[in-house]
Structure formats: structure tokens, C-alpha cells
């Protein structure tokens, strides 16, 4: 399916600006050969693909003339074509063929909804800060990277230590802030960029907060997932479905998370 999507996007681009067939074939062959040569090195391959997609304007960093913002990207013409094809295939299968009930809900959600769902209190990641520069890192990511690096590179580890590190990786998502902090100190984990000491882990809510209306008294958030609109409309969708179960609902749209 991906080949069909890219093919459609390429046709749209080529139609807008014709190129001699020999030039297109040579460029495609050169790119394919270059990527094939790099396939053995995963990171080099990833970088080469990303550079090719950016150079051909499938996507570009948003606001790059002002320095850009990590994690924000704009789709160019072929990227928009690929996205439109993906959405069309998705809707054709899930909505038209499977009969799912499609909804389209606002991106802004009142705080009361996300309090009821637990997002206001619990939709968090545990972060640590570089004590000198203030740079922030995911505490669990630092611990995971440390454990994986030791397991892969340290040939002197005892069987007991190997078992300990593997156990940490298995239960990493269940560790509390206190447990993460204790392990970071025990293993001497420091800021990866500066080697400075790190703060104790603290919860960081991943939602973008805003206010609704000119008074600023009605708190809200940019929705962190598209599912909330489906959940709060369950009663109306159930009625629309003739008060019968089961039924399935679907939504296409953006969600917003302030992740590290």
C-alpha cells in the first residue's frame, strides 16, 4: 500500500513539473542504489531517507526560517498527497467497508472532561533536570538507555547483574518517581550532554493548557488523543445506531502532546 501511496504522490508532483524520463529514471536509480548501500547501517539509512524526504519536500521542519521547533513539521505537496491517500484508504476500509461511525470533534477540550478521564492528574511523564543548565530529560528513558548500554557493551557483568538490569527493563513503566530517582543515583546516571548531576524525578503533564472564552475563567486543554470525543458522544452514537450494541466509532484528526 505504501508503494501505491508514494506512487500517487509522485504522479502528482511530476504532473505539476514535467521532467525528462531519463532524468527521473537516473535520479530514482541513484537514490535506490545509495539507500541499498546504507541498508546495513540502520542509522545511516534512517538519516538518508529523512534527508531525501525533506529535500523532495515531503515534509520540512515547521518555522525553520525562525530556527524551527523540535517535533513540529509541515507537509509539502507530495507529503500532502501521501497523507490524503492514507486517509482515503483508512476511511474506505474502516468507515465505508467496516461500517464504523465517524465523528469529528473539537481539538479543544474543557478541563472537566479531562478531569473525569484522569488526564489532568495522571497524564504525565517523570522528568529530571540538569541541575546546572536546566535541560530536561525523561527519567525512564535515561534509565532504559543506561541498562541497554550496559547489557550490550559491558562484557564483565555477572549473571546476577544481567538479571537485575533485565528486570529493571521489564518493570520500567511501573516504577514510581522515588524508585526511578533511587536507581538513577545508584547507577550514577548523569545528564547525557553535560555530565552534570540530575534532579529528582518530578511529574510533567503532557497536555497543552489553554482557556476558553474571553474571561479566561473556563480552563481547557488541547486534546491529547482523539478518543475522548468518541467516549463523550457514546450515548448519541448508541441512539444513532438504533440503541443496539455492538457498534464501532472512529475519528481522524490531530492530537497534541507536549512531550520531551
Protein backbone atom coordinates (compact mmCIF):
# COMPACT_ATOMS: atom_id res chain seq x y z
CA UNK A 1 0.00 0.00 0.00
CA UNK A 2 2.88 2.36 0.82
CA UNK A 3 4.21 1.96 -2.73
CA UNK A 4 0.80 2.91 -4.11
CA UNK A 5 0.67 5.98 -1.85
CA UNK A 6 4.15 7.13 -2.83
CA UNK A 7 3.39 6.41 -6.47
CA UNK A 8 0.28 8.61 -6.35
CA UNK A 9 2.23 11.39 -4.64
CA UNK A 10 4.98 11.14 -7.22
CA UNK A 11 2.50 11.31 -10.07
CA UNK A 12 1.01 14.48 -8.59
CA UNK A 13 4.45 16.08 -8.31
CA UNK A 14 5.59 15.02 -11.77
CA UNK A 15 2.38 16.26 -13.34
CA UNK A 16 2.95 19.69 -11.84
CA UNK A 17 6.52 19.96 -13.20
CA UNK A 18 7.45 17.61 -16.05
CA UNK A 19 10.93 16.11 -16.17
CA UNK A 20 12.63 14.12 -18.95
CA UNK A 21 12.09 10.37 -18.33
CA UNK A 22 15.83 9.73 -18.46
CA UNK A 23 16.46 12.27 -15.67
CA UNK A 24 13.75 10.78 -13.44
CA UNK A 25 14.97 7.22 -14.01
CA UNK A 26 18.58 8.16 -13.31
CA UNK A 27 17.64 10.03 -10.12
CA UNK A 28 15.48 7.15 -8.88
CA UNK A 29 18.20 4.59 -9.65
CA UNK A 30 20.87 6.67 -7.93
CA UNK A 31 18.74 7.18 -4.82
CA UNK A 32 17.76 3.50 -4.67
CA UNK A 33 21.39 2.38 -5.03
CA UNK A 34 22.53 4.82 -2.34
CA UNK A 35 19.85 3.65 0.11
CA UNK A 36 20.60 -0.02 -0.63
CA UNK A 37 24.29 0.54 0.16
CA UNK A 38 23.31 2.02 3.53
CA UNK A 39 20.76 -0.64 4.45
CA UNK A 40 23.30 -2.45 6.62
CA UNK A 41 23.78 0.65 8.80
CA UNK A 42 20.34 1.43 10.24
CA UNK A 43 21.16 4.93 11.47
CA UNK A 44 22.82 5.97 8.20
CA UNK A 45 19.86 4.53 6.31
CA UNK A 46 17.38 6.43 8.51
CA UNK A 47 19.26 9.70 8.04
CA UNK A 48 19.50 9.18 4.27
CA UNK A 49 15.76 8.50 3.96
CA UNK A 50 14.90 11.51 6.15
CA UNK A 51 17.19 13.78 4.13
CA UNK A 52 15.69 12.54 0.86
CA UNK A 53 12.12 13.10 2.04
CA UNK A 54 12.98 16.59 3.29
CA UNK A 55 14.89 17.51 0.14
CA UNK A 56 11.96 16.41 -2.03
CA UNK A 57 9.59 18.42 0.22
CA UNK A 58 7.56 15.52 1.57
CA UNK A 59 7.98 17.34 4.87
CA UNK A 60 10.09 20.15 6.31
CA UNK A 61 10.64 21.45 9.86
CA UNK A 62 7.96 23.99 10.76
CA UNK A 63 9.03 27.63 11.14
CA UNK A 64 12.57 26.75 10.08
CA UNK A 65 13.33 30.34 8.94
CA UNK A 66 12.98 31.23 12.64
CA UNK A 67 15.03 28.28 13.87
CA UNK A 68 12.22 25.72 13.99
CA UNK A 69 10.77 23.82 16.93
CA UNK A 70 11.68 20.20 17.64
CA UNK A 71 8.84 17.82 16.79
CA UNK A 72 6.87 20.21 14.55
CA UNK A 73 6.79 19.59 10.78
CA UNK A 74 4.98 20.89 7.68
CA UNK A 75 3.89 18.63 4.83
CA UNK A 76 4.97 19.72 1.36
CA UNK A 77 2.98 18.94 -1.82
CA UNK A 78 3.98 15.25 -2.12
CA UNK A 79 3.57 14.80 1.65
CA UNK A 80 0.04 16.19 1.45
CA UNK A 81 -0.69 13.77 -1.39
CA UNK A 82 0.57 10.80 0.67
CA UNK A 83 -1.46 11.93 3.69
CA UNK A 84 -4.62 12.32 1.58
CA UNK A 85 -4.12 8.81 0.18
CA UNK A 86 -3.61 7.32 3.64
CA UNK A 87 -6.78 8.97 4.95
CA UNK A 88 -8.75 7.86 1.90
CA UNK A 89 -7.64 4.23 2.29
CA UNK A 90 -8.29 4.34 6.04
CA UNK A 91 -11.78 5.79 5.64
CA UNK A 92 -12.62 3.42 2.79
CA UNK A 93 -11.76 0.39 4.93
CA UNK A 94 -12.91 1.32 8.43
CA UNK A 95 -15.85 3.65 7.76
CA UNK A 96 -17.29 2.54 4.42
CA UNK A 97 -16.45 -1.18 4.45
CA UNK A 98 -16.48 -1.95 8.19
CA UNK A 99 -19.36 0.43 8.95
CA UNK A 100 -17.70 2.37 11.78
CA UNK A 101 -19.50 5.56 12.86
CA UNK A 102 -17.28 8.55 12.08
CA UNK A 103 -17.28 11.69 14.23
CA UNK A 104 -15.31 14.93 14.02
CA UNK A 105 -14.85 16.67 17.39
CA UNK A 106 -13.13 19.91 18.53
CA UNK A 107 -9.41 19.98 19.27
CA UNK A 108 -10.04 22.00 22.46
CA UNK A 109 -11.49 20.04 25.40
CA UNK A 110 -12.96 21.55 28.61
CA UNK A 111 -10.99 20.75 31.75
CA UNK A 112 -13.96 18.99 33.39
CA UNK A 113 -13.87 16.28 30.70
CA UNK A 114 -10.18 15.56 31.17
CA UNK A 115 -10.50 15.66 34.96
CA UNK A 116 -13.14 12.95 34.74
CA UNK A 117 -10.93 10.84 32.46
CA UNK A 118 -7.91 11.20 34.77
CA UNK A 119 -5.77 13.08 32.27
CA UNK A 120 -5.37 16.23 34.39
CA UNK A 121 -3.97 14.23 37.32
CA UNK A 122 -2.20 11.30 35.67
CA UNK A 123 -1.33 12.11 32.04
CA UNK A 124 2.28 12.76 32.97
CA UNK A 125 5.86 11.69 32.32
CA UNK A 126 8.50 11.66 35.03
CA UNK A 127 11.23 14.17 34.14
CA UNK A 128 14.64 15.08 35.54
CA UNK A 129 16.57 18.32 35.08
CA UNK A 130 20.23 19.05 34.56
CA UNK A 131 20.97 20.85 37.83
CA UNK A 132 23.19 23.44 36.13
CA UNK A 133 21.65 24.06 32.69
CA UNK A 134 18.00 23.22 33.41
CA UNK A 135 17.75 20.89 30.39
CA UNK A 136 15.01 18.29 30.84
CA UNK A 137 15.09 14.54 30.15
CA UNK A 138 12.68 11.65 30.52
CA UNK A 139 13.83 9.81 33.65
CA UNK A 140 12.70 6.40 32.37
CA UNK A 141 14.48 6.93 29.04
CA UNK A 142 17.78 7.70 30.78
CA UNK A 143 17.49 4.58 32.94
CA UNK A 144 16.47 2.43 29.95
CA UNK A 145 19.39 3.69 27.84
CA UNK A 146 21.81 3.02 30.71
CA UNK A 147 20.58 -0.55 31.19
CA UNK A 148 20.63 -1.36 27.48
CA UNK A 149 24.08 0.13 27.02
CA UNK A 150 25.49 -1.88 29.93
CA UNK A 151 23.93 -5.11 28.66
CA UNK A 152 25.23 -4.57 25.13
CA UNK A 153 28.74 -3.27 25.87
CA UNK A 154 29.87 -4.44 29.30
CA UNK A 155 31.25 -7.96 28.93
CA UNK A 156 32.24 -8.16 32.61
CA UNK A 157 28.70 -8.19 34.01
CA UNK A 158 27.89 -11.03 36.37
CA UNK A 159 24.77 -13.19 35.78
CA UNK A 160 23.17 -11.52 38.81
CA UNK A 161 23.78 -8.04 37.41
CA UNK A 162 22.46 -9.06 33.99
CA UNK A 163 19.31 -10.37 35.64
CA UNK A 164 18.95 -7.14 37.64
CA UNK A 165 19.23 -4.92 34.57
CA UNK A 166 16.82 -7.07 32.56
CA UNK A 167 14.34 -6.93 35.45
CA UNK A 168 14.52 -3.12 35.51
CA UNK A 169 13.77 -3.00 31.77
CA UNK A 170 10.79 -5.33 32.28
CA UNK A 171 9.20 -3.24 35.07
CA UNK A 172 10.40 0.21 33.93
CA UNK A 173 6.90 1.54 33.19
CA UNK A 174 5.72 0.62 36.70
CA UNK A 175 8.48 2.36 38.66
CA UNK A 176 7.45 5.29 40.87
CA UNK A 177 9.25 8.63 40.93
CA UNK A 178 11.06 7.57 44.10
CA UNK A 179 12.16 4.24 42.60
CA UNK A 180 13.38 5.90 39.38
CA UNK A 181 15.30 8.51 41.35
CA UNK A 182 16.91 5.87 43.54
CA UNK A 183 18.10 3.85 40.52
CA UNK A 184 19.44 6.94 38.75
CA UNK A 185 21.51 7.78 41.84
CA UNK A 186 22.57 4.17 42.42
CA UNK A 187 23.91 3.83 38.88
CA UNK A 188 25.44 7.31 38.79
CA UNK A 189 23.40 8.38 35.75
CA UNK A 190 24.10 12.00 34.75
CA UNK A 191 22.91 14.43 32.07
CA UNK A 192 23.94 12.90 28.72
CA UNK A 193 25.02 16.21 27.16
CA UNK A 194 26.91 17.85 30.02
CA UNK A 195 27.56 15.02 32.54
CA UNK A 196 26.08 17.25 35.25
CA UNK A 197 24.08 15.85 38.17
CA UNK A 198 20.32 15.41 37.73
CA UNK A 199 17.40 16.50 39.90
CA UNK A 200 14.96 14.10 41.50
CA UNK A 201 12.23 12.92 39.08
CA UNK A 202 9.08 15.04 39.01
CA UNK A 203 5.76 14.65 37.12
CA UNK A 204 5.26 16.76 33.99
CA UNK A 205 1.77 16.95 32.47
CA UNK A 206 1.88 16.37 28.72
CA UNK A 207 -1.21 18.41 27.80
CA UNK A 208 -1.21 21.93 26.37
CA UNK A 209 -3.37 24.08 28.65
CA UNK A 210 -5.48 26.97 27.36
CA UNK A 211 -8.57 28.95 28.32
CA UNK A 212 -11.95 29.03 26.59
CA UNK A 213 -13.70 32.36 26.14
CA UNK A 214 -12.57 35.96 26.73
CA UNK A 215 -12.90 35.86 30.51
CA UNK A 216 -10.20 33.20 30.84
CA UNK A 217 -12.22 31.53 33.61
CA UNK A 218 -13.07 28.37 31.68
CA UNK A 219 -9.97 26.17 31.61
CA UNK A 220 -9.35 23.78 28.76
CA UNK A 221 -6.69 21.70 27.06
CA UNK A 222 -5.74 20.79 23.53
CA UNK A 223 -6.96 17.21 23.26
CA UNK A 224 -4.18 14.69 23.99
CA UNK A 225 -5.94 11.96 21.99
CA UNK A 226 -8.85 11.73 19.55
CA UNK A 227 -10.66 9.04 21.57
CA UNK A 228 -12.19 11.49 24.07
CA UNK A 229 -14.64 12.85 21.51
CA UNK A 230 -15.85 9.31 20.82
CA UNK A 231 -16.29 8.49 24.52
CA UNK A 232 -18.30 11.59 25.41
CA UNK A 233 -20.59 11.03 22.38
CA UNK A 234 -21.26 7.38 23.23
CA UNK A 235 -24.90 7.95 24.21
CA UNK A 236 -25.74 9.81 20.99
CA UNK A 237 -23.90 7.26 18.86
CA UNK A 238 -25.75 4.46 20.61
CA UNK A 239 -29.05 6.21 19.80
CA UNK A 240 -27.95 6.75 16.18
CA UNK A 241 -27.20 3.02 15.95
CA UNK A 242 -30.78 2.19 16.87
CA UNK A 243 -30.00 1.62 20.56
CA UNK A 244 -28.14 -1.53 19.55
CA UNK A 245 -24.77 -2.96 20.51
CA UNK A 246 -22.15 -3.60 19.34
CA UNK A 247 -21.05 -0.65 17.24
CA UNK A 248 -17.69 0.94 16.50
CA UNK A 249 -16.80 4.62 16.20
CA UNK A 250 -13.84 6.35 14.54
CA UNK A 251 -12.28 9.78 14.30
CA UNK A 252 -9.49 11.26 12.18
CA UNK A 253 -7.73 14.34 13.50
CA UNK A 254 -4.83 15.84 15.35
CA UNK A 255 -3.94 15.28 18.98
CA UNK A 256 -1.49 17.40 20.97
CA UNK A 257 1.14 16.25 23.48
CA UNK A 258 3.91 18.36 24.97
CA UNK A 259 6.42 15.51 25.05
CA UNK A 260 10.17 15.61 25.60
